[in-house]
Amino acid sequence: MFIISLKKLERSINYFNYFLSVISLFLASYHVAIEQGLIKELSSCQTNINDNLSKDILLKNLNSAKLNSCKEVNFKILGISLASINMLISLILTIFYYKIFIWIRKIA
């Protein structure tokens, strides 16, 4: 009985790992697509200022914070952005967990 429940736990953990790796791959791919300009960035990432602001409010906003676009890559390793590296690692892990997922289904 304990061995059966341990196998179910192992299978559940593998499903969960595969599910998380797919979500990670999706989010990393989305970020890379924004960096490459394939997808329009969210309004929270844009640096456009609303035209309805008064001069005082605009000056206060400009002095209080530096606004960076989500498209700007601040750090690269060997010419590759960290979002791209994250996407590659997520892709490798997704393939790895998929292979484990298939292998476990064959032996079960």
C-alpha atoms as a PDB file:
ATOM      1  CA  MET A   1       0.000   0.000   0.000  1.00  0.00           C
ATOM      2  CA  PHE A   2       2.800   2.426   0.894  1.00  0.00           C
ATOM      3  CA  ILE A   3       4.652   1.674  -2.372  1.00  0.00           C
ATOM      4  CA  ILE A   4       1.530   2.413  -4.422  1.00  0.00           C
ATOM      5  CA  SER A   5       0.986   5.756  -2.713  1.00  0.00           C
ATOM      6  CA  LEU A   6       4.679   6.578  -3.170  1.00  0.00           C
ATOM      7  CA  LYS A   7       4.355   5.894  -6.914  1.00  0.00           C
ATOM      8  CA  LYS A   8       1.292   8.139  -7.068  1.00  0.00           C
ATOM      9  CA  LEU A   9       3.201  10.859  -5.266  1.00  0.00           C
ATOM     10  CA  GLU A  10       6.116  10.514  -7.692  1.00  0.00           C
ATOM     11  CA  ARG A  11       3.750  10.696 -10.659  1.00  0.00           C
ATOM     12  CA  SER A  12       2.031  13.764  -9.210  1.00  0.00           C
ATOM     13  CA  ILE A  13       5.379  15.482  -8.686  1.00  0.00           C
ATOM     14  CA  ASN A  14       6.362  14.745 -12.278  1.00  0.00           C
ATOM     15  CA  TYR A  15       3.056  16.147 -13.576  1.00  0.00           C
ATOM     16  CA  PHE A  16       3.582  19.247 -11.448  1.00  0.00           C
ATOM     17  CA  ASN A  17       7.178  19.711 -12.668  1.00  0.00           C
ATOM     18  CA  TYR A  18       6.078  19.400 -16.284  1.00  0.00           C
ATOM     19  CA  PHE A  19       3.217  21.854 -15.736  1.00  0.00           C
ATOM     20  CA  LEU A  20       5.547  24.417 -14.107  1.00  0.00           C
ATOM     21  CA  SER A  21       8.138  24.068 -16.860  1.00  0.00           C
ATOM     22  CA  VAL A  22       5.482  24.726 -19.525  1.00  0.00           C
ATOM     23  CA  ILE A  23       4.316  27.847 -17.665  1.00  0.00           C
ATOM     24  CA  SER A  24       7.928  28.993 -17.276  1.00  0.00           C
ATOM     25  CA  LEU A  25       8.551  28.475 -20.991  1.00  0.00           C
ATOM     26  CA  PHE A  26       5.412  30.467 -21.863  1.00  0.00           C
ATOM     27  CA  LEU A  27       6.345  33.409 -19.623  1.00  0.00           C
ATOM     28  CA  ALA A  28       9.966  33.471 -20.781  1.00  0.00           C
ATOM     29  CA  SER A  29       8.884  33.326 -24.429  1.00  0.00           C
ATOM     30  CA  TYR A  30       6.452  36.172 -23.837  1.00  0.00           C
ATOM     31  CA  HIS A  31       9.230  38.306 -22.323  1.00  0.00           C
ATOM     32  CA  VAL A  32      11.599  37.560 -25.204  1.00  0.00           C
ATOM     33  CA  ALA A  33       8.846  38.429 -27.703  1.00  0.00           C
ATOM     34  CA  ILE A  34       8.401  41.799 -25.977  1.00  0.00           C
ATOM     35  CA  GLU A  35      12.163  42.429 -26.061  1.00  0.00           C
ATOM     36  CA  GLN A  36      12.300  41.585 -29.774  1.00  0.00           C
ATOM     37  CA  GLY A  37       9.281  43.780 -30.546  1.00  0.00           C
ATOM     38  CA  LEU A  38       7.069  40.894 -31.695  1.00  0.00           C
ATOM     39  CA  ILE A  39       4.423  41.632 -29.053  1.00  0.00           C
ATOM     40  CA  LYS A  40       3.327  45.039 -27.822  1.00  0.00           C
ATOM     41  CA  GLU A  41       4.370  45.610 -24.236  1.00  0.00           C
ATOM     42  CA  LEU A  42       1.853  46.067 -21.453  1.00  0.00           C
ATOM     43  CA  SER A  43       0.685  49.545 -20.542  1.00  0.00           C
ATOM     44  CA  SER A  44       2.533  49.270 -17.217  1.00  0.00           C
ATOM     45  CA  CYS A  45       5.811  48.911 -19.131  1.00  0.00           C
ATOM     46  CA  GLN A  46       5.288  51.797 -21.519  1.00  0.00           C
ATOM     47  CA  THR A  47       6.879  55.160 -20.890  1.00  0.00           C
ATOM     48  CA  ASN A  48       4.190  57.211 -22.612  1.00  0.00           C
ATOM     49  CA  ILE A  49       2.863  60.072 -20.510  1.00  0.00           C
ATOM     50  CA  ASN A  50      -0.838  60.891 -20.447  1.00  0.00           C
ATOM     51  CA  ASP A  51      -1.661  64.189 -22.229  1.00  0.00           C
ATOM     52  CA  ASN A  52      -4.177  65.207 -19.563  1.00  0.00           C
ATOM     53  CA  LEU A  53      -1.535  65.835 -16.896  1.00  0.00           C
ATOM     54  CA  SER A  54      -0.794  69.318 -15.706  1.00  0.00           C
ATOM     55  CA  LYS A  55       2.756  70.663 -15.812  1.00  0.00           C
ATOM     56  CA  ASP A  56       3.194  70.339 -12.052  1.00  0.00           C
ATOM     57  CA  ILE A  57       2.052  66.713 -11.940  1.00  0.00           C
ATOM     58  CA  LEU A  58       4.187  65.854 -14.960  1.00  0.00           C
ATOM     59  CA  LEU A  59       7.281  67.473 -13.443  1.00  0.00           C
ATOM     60  CA  LYS A  60       6.676  65.701 -10.137  1.00  0.00           C
ATOM     61  CA  ASN A  61       6.325  62.318 -11.913  1.00  0.00           C
ATOM     62  CA  LEU A  62       9.440  62.857 -13.988  1.00  0.00           C
ATOM     63  CA  ASN A  63      11.524  63.825 -10.971  1.00  0.00           C
ATOM     64  CA  SER A  64      10.268  61.014  -8.755  1.00  0.00           C
ATOM     65  CA  ALA A  65      11.030  57.930 -10.833  1.00  0.00           C
ATOM     66  CA  LYS A  66      13.013  56.758 -13.812  1.00  0.00           C
ATOM     67  CA  LEU A  67      10.799  54.907 -16.256  1.00  0.00           C
ATOM     68  CA  ASN A  68      12.310  52.024 -18.203  1.00  0.00           C
ATOM     69  CA  SER A  69      10.654  50.244 -21.053  1.00  0.00           C
ATOM     70  CA  CYS A  70      10.276  46.470 -20.845  1.00  0.00           C
ATOM     71  CA  LYS A  71      11.903  46.284 -24.290  1.00  0.00           C
ATOM     72  CA  GLU A  72      15.218  47.575 -22.974  1.00  0.00           C
ATOM     73  CA  VAL A  73      17.752  44.878 -22.173  1.00  0.00           C
ATOM     74  CA  ASN A  74      19.787  45.975 -19.179  1.00  0.00           C
ATOM     75  CA  PHE A  75      22.154  43.015 -18.914  1.00  0.00           C
ATOM     76  CA  LYS A  76      23.500  40.488 -21.407  1.00  0.00           C
ATOM     77  CA  ILE A  77      25.737  37.450 -21.112  1.00  0.00           C
ATOM     78  CA  LEU A  78      27.678  36.613 -24.269  1.00  0.00           C
ATOM     79  CA  GLY A  79      25.325  38.916 -26.184  1.00  0.00           C
ATOM     80  CA  ILE A  80      22.195  37.068 -25.033  1.00  0.00           C
ATOM     81  CA  SER A  81      19.657  38.693 -22.728  1.00  0.00           C
ATOM     82  CA  LEU A  82      18.736  37.010 -19.479  1.00  0.00           C
ATOM     83  CA  ALA A  83      15.172  36.542 -20.749  1.00  0.00           C
ATOM     84  CA  SER A  84      16.534  34.604 -23.737  1.00  0.00           C
ATOM     85  CA  ILE A  85      18.714  32.462 -21.477  1.00  0.00           C
ATOM     86  CA  ASN A  86      15.682  31.829 -19.260  1.00  0.00           C
ATOM     87  CA  MET A  87      13.666  30.785 -22.320  1.00  0.00           C
ATOM     88  CA  LEU A  88      16.369  28.354 -23.469  1.00  0.00           C
ATOM     89  CA  ILE A  89      16.691  26.791 -20.013  1.00  0.00           C
ATOM     90  CA  SER A  90      12.895  26.547 -19.726  1.00  0.00           C
ATOM     91  CA  LEU A  91      12.723  24.865 -23.134  1.00  0.00           C
ATOM     92  CA  ILE A  92      15.376  22.325 -22.130  1.00  0.00           C
ATOM     93  CA  LEU A  93      13.593  21.594 -18.847  1.00  0.00           C
ATOM     94  CA  THR A  94      10.233  21.269 -20.564  1.00  0.00           C
ATOM     95  CA  ILE A  95      11.644  18.726 -23.023  1.00  0.00           C
ATOM     96  CA  PHE A  96      13.400  16.905 -20.174  1.00  0.00           C
ATOM     97  CA  TYR A  97      10.244  16.702 -18.033  1.00  0.00           C
ATOM     98  CA  TYR A  98       8.200  15.643 -21.055  1.00  0.00           C
ATOM     99  CA  LYS A  99      10.631  12.755 -21.690  1.00  0.00           C
ATOM    100  CA  ILE A 100      10.360  11.725 -18.032  1.00  0.00           C
ATOM    101  CA  PHE A 101       6.569  12.063 -18.248  1.00  0.00           C
ATOM    102  CA  ILE A 102       6.438   9.724 -21.280  1.00  0.00           C
ATOM    103  CA  TRP A 103       8.941   7.299 -19.772  1.00  0.00           C
ATOM    104  CA  ILE A 104       6.957   6.992 -16.526  1.00  0.00           C
ATOM    105  CA  ARG A 105       3.735   6.378 -18.441  1.00  0.00           C
ATOM    106  CA  LYS A 106       5.429   3.539 -20.360  1.00  0.00           C
ATOM    107  CA  ILE A 107       6.709   1.752 -17.257  1.00  0.00           C
ATOM    108  CA  ALA A 108       3.514   2.265 -15.227  1.00  0.00           C
END
